[in-house]
Amino acid sequence: MVDVKCLSDMKLQGELKKLGFSPGPILPSTRKVYENKLAQLLVSTPSVAPVMNGLGEPDEPQEGDPCE
């Protein structure tokens, strides 16, 4: 699952749009609201197939900083 707190403002906005939600501007005062909305949408929407890494295997998260 996507760590919504690590997304840039543009990526947060893009993820919301992919799930059918049209966000307004993402500002320091609205970011938390949109992070919560994205988290809510990710839980409520059915999962899509895992992203493949080109080798026919699901992409595995890399070790280290969770925001990288």
PDB file of N, CA and C in Angstrom:
ATOM      1  N   MET A   1       0.842  -1.184   0.000  1.00  0.00           N
ATOM      2  CA  MET A   1       0.000   0.000   0.000  1.00  0.00           C
ATOM      3  C   MET A   1       0.882   1.239   0.000  1.00  0.00           C
ATOM      4  N   VAL A   2       0.400   2.294  -0.583  1.00  0.00           N
ATOM      5  CA  VAL A   2       1.121   3.547  -0.699  1.00  0.00           C
ATOM      6  C   VAL A   2       1.183   4.244   0.657  1.00  0.00           C
ATOM      7  N   ASP A   3       2.370   4.747   1.014  1.00  0.00           N
ATOM      8  CA  ASP A   3       2.492   5.549   2.228  1.00  0.00           C
ATOM      9  C   ASP A   3       2.140   6.973   1.837  1.00  0.00           C
ATOM     10  N   VAL A   4       0.913   7.389   2.137  1.00  0.00           N
ATOM     11  CA  VAL A   4       0.405   8.677   1.673  1.00  0.00           C
ATOM     12  C   VAL A   4       1.201   9.855   2.221  1.00  0.00           C
ATOM     13  N   LYS A   5       1.821   9.702   3.371  1.00  0.00           N
ATOM     14  CA  LYS A   5       2.583  10.805   3.964  1.00  0.00           C
ATOM     15  C   LYS A   5       3.878  11.064   3.220  1.00  0.00           C
ATOM     16  N   CYS A   6       4.359  10.103   2.459  1.00  0.00           N
ATOM     17  CA  CYS A   6       5.611  10.247   1.729  1.00  0.00           C
ATOM     18  C   CYS A   6       5.414  10.794   0.321  1.00  0.00           C
ATOM     19  N   LEU A   7       4.186  10.906  -0.128  1.00  0.00           N
ATOM     20  CA  LEU A   7       3.928  11.382  -1.486  1.00  0.00           C
ATOM     21  C   LEU A   7       4.139  12.887  -1.590  1.00  0.00           C
ATOM     22  N   SER A   8       4.654  13.316  -2.740  1.00  0.00           N
ATOM     23  CA  SER A   8       4.730  14.755  -3.002  1.00  0.00           C
ATOM     24  C   SER A   8       3.302  15.259  -3.208  1.00  0.00           C
ATOM     25  N   ASP A   9       3.138  16.558  -3.188  1.00  0.00           N
ATOM     26  CA  ASP A   9       1.807  17.130  -3.407  1.00  0.00           C
ATOM     27  C   ASP A   9       1.241  16.712  -4.759  1.00  0.00           C
ATOM     28  N   MET A  10       2.083  16.729  -5.798  1.00  0.00           N
ATOM     29  CA  MET A  10       1.615  16.359  -7.132  1.00  0.00           C
ATOM     30  C   MET A  10       1.230  14.884  -7.199  1.00  0.00           C
ATOM     31  N   LYS A  11       2.028  14.021  -6.564  1.00  0.00           N
ATOM     32  CA  LYS A  11       1.708  12.589  -6.583  1.00  0.00           C
ATOM     33  C   LYS A  11       0.451  12.315  -5.766  1.00  0.00           C
ATOM     34  N   LEU A  12       0.280  13.000  -4.656  1.00  0.00           N
ATOM     35  CA  LEU A  12      -0.929  12.846  -3.849  1.00  0.00           C
ATOM     36  C   LEU A  12      -2.144  13.225  -4.671  1.00  0.00           C
ATOM     37  N   GLN A  13      -2.044  14.342  -5.358  1.00  0.00           N
ATOM     38  CA  GLN A  13      -3.144  14.789  -6.203  1.00  0.00           C
ATOM     39  C   GLN A  13      -3.407  13.781  -7.326  1.00  0.00           C
ATOM     40  N   GLY A  14      -2.350  13.256  -7.930  1.00  0.00           N
ATOM     41  CA  GLY A  14      -2.506  12.274  -9.003  1.00  0.00           C
ATOM     42  C   GLY A  14      -3.146  10.982  -8.536  1.00  0.00           C
ATOM     43  N   GLU A  15      -2.748  10.502  -7.366  1.00  0.00           N
ATOM     44  CA  GLU A  15      -3.337   9.272  -6.816  1.00  0.00           C
ATOM     45  C   GLU A  15      -4.819   9.467  -6.530  1.00  0.00           C
ATOM     46  N   LEU A  16      -5.181  10.622  -5.999  1.00  0.00           N
ATOM     47  CA  LEU A  16      -6.595  10.904  -5.740  1.00  0.00           C
ATOM     48  C   LEU A  16      -7.382  10.921  -7.044  1.00  0.00           C
ATOM     49  N   LYS A  17      -6.824  11.543  -8.072  1.00  0.00           N
ATOM     50  CA  LYS A  17      -7.515  11.610  -9.369  1.00  0.00           C
ATOM     51  C   LYS A  17      -7.675  10.224  -9.979  1.00  0.00           C
ATOM     52  N   LYS A  18      -6.653   9.359  -9.831  1.00  0.00           N
ATOM     53  CA  LYS A  18      -6.740   7.993 -10.365  1.00  0.00           C
ATOM     54  C   LYS A  18      -7.895   7.234  -9.741  1.00  0.00           C
ATOM     55  N   LEU A  19      -8.228   7.565  -8.502  1.00  0.00           N
ATOM     56  CA  LEU A  19      -9.306   6.866  -7.803  1.00  0.00           C
ATOM     57  C   LEU A  19     -10.644   7.581  -7.946  1.00  0.00           C
ATOM     58  N   GLY A  20     -10.703   8.584  -8.842  1.00  0.00           N
ATOM     59  CA  GLY A  20     -11.973   9.240  -9.138  1.00  0.00           C
ATOM     60  C   GLY A  20     -12.328  10.396  -8.242  1.00  0.00           C
ATOM     61  N   PHE A  21     -11.398  10.880  -7.437  1.00  0.00           N
ATOM     62  CA  PHE A  21     -11.656  12.014  -6.545  1.00  0.00           C
ATOM     63  C   PHE A  21     -10.965  13.237  -7.122  1.00  0.00           C
ATOM     64  N   SER A  22     -11.671  14.354  -7.182  1.00  0.00           N
ATOM     65  CA  SER A  22     -11.112  15.573  -7.745  1.00  0.00           C
ATOM     66  C   SER A  22     -10.717  16.527  -6.619  1.00  0.00           C
ATOM     67  N   PRO A  23      -9.431  16.513  -6.233  1.00  0.00           N
ATOM     68  CA  PRO A  23      -8.996  17.362  -5.124  1.00  0.00           C
ATOM     69  C   PRO A  23      -8.797  18.812  -5.546  1.00  0.00           C
ATOM     70  N   GLY A  24      -8.910  19.686  -4.585  1.00  0.00           N
ATOM     71  CA  GLY A  24      -8.561  21.084  -4.803  1.00  0.00           C
ATOM     72  C   GLY A  24      -7.065  21.228  -4.615  1.00  0.00           C
ATOM     73  N   PRO A  25      -6.603  22.459  -4.446  1.00  0.00           N
ATOM     74  CA  PRO A  25      -5.162  22.645  -4.247  1.00  0.00           C
ATOM     75  C   PRO A  25      -4.696  21.983  -2.954  1.00  0.00           C
ATOM     76  N   ILE A  26      -3.522  21.387  -3.009  1.00  0.00           N
ATOM     77  CA  ILE A  26      -2.963  20.749  -1.822  1.00  0.00           C
ATOM     78  C   ILE A  26      -2.013  21.747  -1.176  1.00  0.00           C
ATOM     79  N   LEU A  27      -2.428  22.233  -0.038  1.00  0.00           N
ATOM     80  CA  LEU A  27      -1.704  23.236   0.731  1.00  0.00           C
ATOM     81  C   LEU A  27      -1.377  22.653   2.095  1.00  0.00           C
ATOM     82  N   PRO A  28      -0.487  23.289   2.842  1.00  0.00           N
ATOM     83  CA  PRO A  28      -0.216  22.785   4.196  1.00  0.00           C
ATOM     84  C   PRO A  28      -1.491  22.648   5.045  1.00  0.00           C
ATOM     85  N   SER A  29      -2.454  23.525   4.806  1.00  0.00           N
ATOM     86  CA  SER A  29      -3.694  23.480   5.586  1.00  0.00           C
ATOM     87  C   SER A  29      -4.669  22.399   5.110  1.00  0.00           C
ATOM     88  N   THR A  30      -4.503  21.880   3.881  1.00  0.00           N
ATOM     89  CA  THR A  30      -5.436  20.878   3.350  1.00  0.00           C
ATOM     90  C   THR A  30      -4.797  19.504   3.160  1.00  0.00           C
ATOM     91  N   ARG A  31      -3.478  19.429   3.247  1.00  0.00           N
ATOM     92  CA  ARG A  31      -2.778  18.177   2.948  1.00  0.00           C
ATOM     93  C   ARG A  31      -3.260  17.014   3.796  1.00  0.00           C
ATOM     94  N   LYS A  32      -3.407  17.211   5.100  1.00  0.00           N
ATOM     95  CA  LYS A  32      -3.829  16.130   5.997  1.00  0.00           C
ATOM     96  C   LYS A  32      -5.208  15.588   5.590  1.00  0.00           C
ATOM     97  N   VAL A  33      -6.087  16.473   5.187  1.00  0.00           N
ATOM     98  CA  VAL A  33      -7.432  16.058   4.745  1.00  0.00           C
ATOM     99  C   VAL A  33      -7.319  15.152   3.521  1.00  0.00           C
ATOM    100  N   TYR A  34      -6.469  15.553   2.554  1.00  0.00           N
ATOM    101  CA  TYR A  34      -6.312  14.762   1.338  1.00  0.00           C
ATOM    102  C   TYR A  34      -5.552  13.465   1.597  1.00  0.00           C
ATOM    103  N   GLU A  35      -4.605  13.470   2.522  1.00  0.00           N
ATOM    104  CA  GLU A  35      -3.928  12.220   2.896  1.00  0.00           C
ATOM    105  C   GLU A  35      -4.947  11.235   3.464  1.00  0.00           C
ATOM    106  N   ASN A  36      -5.812  11.724   4.350  1.00  0.00           N
ATOM    107  CA  ASN A  36      -6.840  10.861   4.941  1.00  0.00           C
ATOM    108  C   ASN A  36      -7.816  10.363   3.882  1.00  0.00           C
ATOM    109  N   LYS A  37      -8.182  11.230   2.944  1.00  0.00           N
ATOM    110  CA  LYS A  37      -9.117  10.836   1.880  1.00  0.00           C
ATOM    111  C   LYS A  37      -8.497   9.753   1.008  1.00  0.00           C
ATOM    112  N   LEU A  38      -7.222   9.914   0.655  1.00  0.00           N
ATOM    113  CA  LEU A  38      -6.556   8.896  -0.164  1.00  0.00           C
ATOM    114  C   LEU A  38      -6.481   7.577   0.585  1.00  0.00           C
ATOM    115  N   ALA A  39      -6.126   7.619   1.852  1.00  0.00           N
ATOM    116  CA  ALA A  39      -6.065   6.388   2.644  1.00  0.00           C
ATOM    117  C   ALA A  39      -7.430   5.710   2.672  1.00  0.00           C
ATOM    118  N   GLN A  40      -8.478   6.493   2.829  1.00  0.00           N
ATOM    119  CA  GLN A  40      -9.840   5.960   2.856  1.00  0.00           C
ATOM    120  C   GLN A  40     -10.203   5.340   1.511  1.00  0.00           C
ATOM    121  N   LEU A  41      -9.855   6.006   0.419  1.00  0.00           N
ATOM    122  CA  LEU A  41     -10.158   5.481  -0.909  1.00  0.00           C
ATOM    123  C   LEU A  41      -9.371   4.207  -1.197  1.00  0.00           C
ATOM    124  N   LEU A  42      -8.126   4.152  -0.753  1.00  0.00           N
ATOM    125  CA  LEU A  42      -7.312   2.962  -0.985  1.00  0.00           C
ATOM    126  C   LEU A  42      -7.866   1.743  -0.260  1.00  0.00           C
ATOM    127  N   VAL A  43      -8.445   1.956   0.906  1.00  0.00           N
ATOM    128  CA  VAL A  43      -9.024   0.854   1.670  1.00  0.00           C
ATOM    129  C   VAL A  43     -10.356   0.414   1.062  1.00  0.00           C
ATOM    130  N   SER A  44     -11.118   1.367   0.551  1.00  0.00           N
ATOM    131  CA  SER A  44     -12.464   1.048   0.083  1.00  0.00           C
ATOM    132  C   SER A  44     -12.521   0.565  -1.362  1.00  0.00           C
ATOM    133  N   THR A  45     -11.474   0.816  -2.162  1.00  0.00           N
ATOM    134  CA  THR A  45     -11.504   0.376  -3.548  1.00  0.00           C
ATOM    135  C   THR A  45     -10.886  -1.008  -3.664  1.00  0.00           C
ATOM    136  N   PRO A  46     -11.391  -1.827  -4.582  1.00  0.00           N
ATOM    137  CA  PRO A  46     -10.821  -3.159  -4.754  1.00  0.00           C
ATOM    138  C   PRO A  46      -9.368  -3.063  -5.202  1.00  0.00           C
ATOM    139  N   SER A  47      -8.589  -4.024  -4.796  1.00  0.00           N
ATOM    140  CA  SER A  47      -7.173  -4.051  -5.163  1.00  0.00           C
ATOM    141  C   SER A  47      -7.026  -4.331  -6.642  1.00  0.00           C
ATOM    142  N   VAL A  48      -5.999  -3.746  -7.228  1.00  0.00           N
ATOM    143  CA  VAL A  48      -5.655  -4.056  -8.614  1.00  0.00           C
ATOM    144  C   VAL A  48      -4.519  -5.056  -8.588  1.00  0.00           C
ATOM    145  N   ALA A  49      -4.229  -5.635  -9.710  1.00  0.00           N
ATOM    146  CA  ALA A  49      -3.158  -6.623  -9.787  1.00  0.00           C
ATOM    147  C   ALA A  49      -1.847  -5.989  -9.349  1.00  0.00           C
ATOM    148  N   PRO A  50      -0.970  -6.764  -8.733  1.00  0.00           N
ATOM    149  CA  PRO A  50       0.306  -6.203  -8.293  1.00  0.00           C
ATOM    150  C   PRO A  50       1.132  -5.721  -9.476  1.00  0.00           C
ATOM    151  N   VAL A  51       1.921  -4.693  -9.244  1.00  0.00           N
ATOM    152  CA  VAL A  51       2.795  -4.144 -10.273  1.00  0.00           C
ATOM    153  C   VAL A  51       3.932  -5.132 -10.516  1.00  0.00           C
ATOM    154  N   MET A  52       4.167  -5.422 -11.770  1.00  0.00           N
ATOM    155  CA  MET A  52       5.236  -6.356 -12.109  1.00  0.00           C
ATOM    156  C   MET A  52       6.516  -5.580 -12.383  1.00  0.00           C
ATOM    157  N   ASN A  53       7.639  -6.203 -12.091  1.00  0.00           N
ATOM    158  CA  ASN A  53       8.925  -5.532 -12.243  1.00  0.00           C
ATOM    159  C   ASN A  53       9.589  -5.806 -13.589  1.00  0.00           C
ATOM    160  N   GLY A  54       8.880  -6.354 -14.534  1.00  0.00           N
ATOM    161  CA  GLY A  54       9.453  -6.641 -15.841  1.00  0.00           C
ATOM    162  C   GLY A  54      10.010  -8.051 -15.936  1.00  0.00           C
ATOM    163  N   LEU A  55      10.157  -8.720 -14.810  1.00  0.00           N
ATOM    164  CA  LEU A  55      10.666 -10.089 -14.795  1.00  0.00           C
ATOM    165  C   LEU A  55       9.545 -11.084 -14.514  1.00  0.00           C
ATOM    166  N   GLY A  56       8.307 -10.582 -14.515  1.00  0.00           N
ATOM    167  CA  GLY A  56       7.182 -11.457 -14.242  1.00  0.00           C
ATOM    168  C   GLY A  56       6.978 -11.722 -12.762  1.00  0.00           C
ATOM    169  N   GLU A  57       7.643 -10.925 -11.929  1.00  0.00           N
ATOM    170  CA  GLU A  57       7.504 -11.079 -10.480  1.00  0.00           C
ATOM    171  C   GLU A  57       6.938  -9.788  -9.908  1.00  0.00           C
ATOM    172  N   PRO A  58       6.144  -9.872  -8.836  1.00  0.00           N
ATOM    173  CA  PRO A  58       5.643  -8.639  -8.215  1.00  0.00           C
ATOM    174  C   PRO A  58       6.799  -7.806  -7.688  1.00  0.00           C
ATOM    175  N   ASP A  59       6.657  -6.490  -7.814  1.00  0.00           N
ATOM    176  CA  ASP A  59       7.649  -5.575  -7.273  1.00  0.00           C
ATOM    177  C   ASP A  59       7.666  -5.676  -5.760  1.00  0.00           C
ATOM    178  N   GLU A  60       8.839  -5.803  -5.190  1.00  0.00           N
ATOM    179  CA  GLU A  60       8.995  -5.867  -3.733  1.00  0.00           C
ATOM    180  C   GLU A  60       9.464  -4.517  -3.234  1.00  0.00           C
ATOM    181  N   PRO A  61       8.955  -4.066  -2.080  1.00  0.00           N
ATOM    182  CA  PRO A  61       9.454  -2.813  -1.530  1.00  0.00           C
ATOM    183  C   PRO A  61      10.940  -2.945  -1.199  1.00  0.00           C
ATOM    184  N   GLN A  62      11.661  -1.881  -1.411  1.00  0.00           N
ATOM    185  CA  GLN A  62      13.089  -1.871  -1.128  1.00  0.00           C
ATOM    186  C   GLN A  62      13.306  -1.587   0.352  1.00  0.00           C
ATOM    187  N   GLU A  63      14.372  -2.128   0.900  1.00  0.00           N
ATOM    188  CA  GLU A  63      14.696  -1.875   2.302  1.00  0.00           C
ATOM    189  C   GLU A  63      15.211  -0.464   2.458  1.00  0.00           C
ATOM    190  N   GLY A  64      15.105   0.071   3.654  1.00  0.00           N
ATOM    191  CA  GLY A  64      15.608   1.408   3.925  1.00  0.00           C
ATOM    192  C   GLY A  64      14.461   2.338   4.257  1.00  0.00           C
ATOM    193  N   ASP A  65      14.627   3.592   3.919  1.00  0.00           N
ATOM    194  CA  ASP A  65      13.632   4.614   4.228  1.00  0.00           C
ATOM    195  C   ASP A  65      12.304   4.291   3.523  1.00  0.00           C
ATOM    196  N   PRO A  66      11.191   4.249   4.257  1.00  0.00           N
ATOM    197  CA  PRO A  66       9.907   3.898   3.645  1.00  0.00           C
ATOM    198  C   PRO A  66       9.425   4.928   2.627  1.00  0.00           C
ATOM    199  N   CYS A  67      10.005   6.109   2.615  1.00  0.00           N
ATOM    200  CA  CYS A  67       9.593   7.138   1.669  1.00  0.00           C
ATOM    201  C   CYS A  67      10.411   7.125   0.394  1.00  0.00           C
ATOM    202  N   GLU A  68      11.390   6.264   0.307  1.00  0.00           N
ATOM    203  CA  GLU A  68      12.221   6.215  -0.900  1.00  0.00           C
ATOM    204  C   GLU A  68      11.631   5.290  -1.910  1.00  0.00           C
TER     205      GLU A  68
END
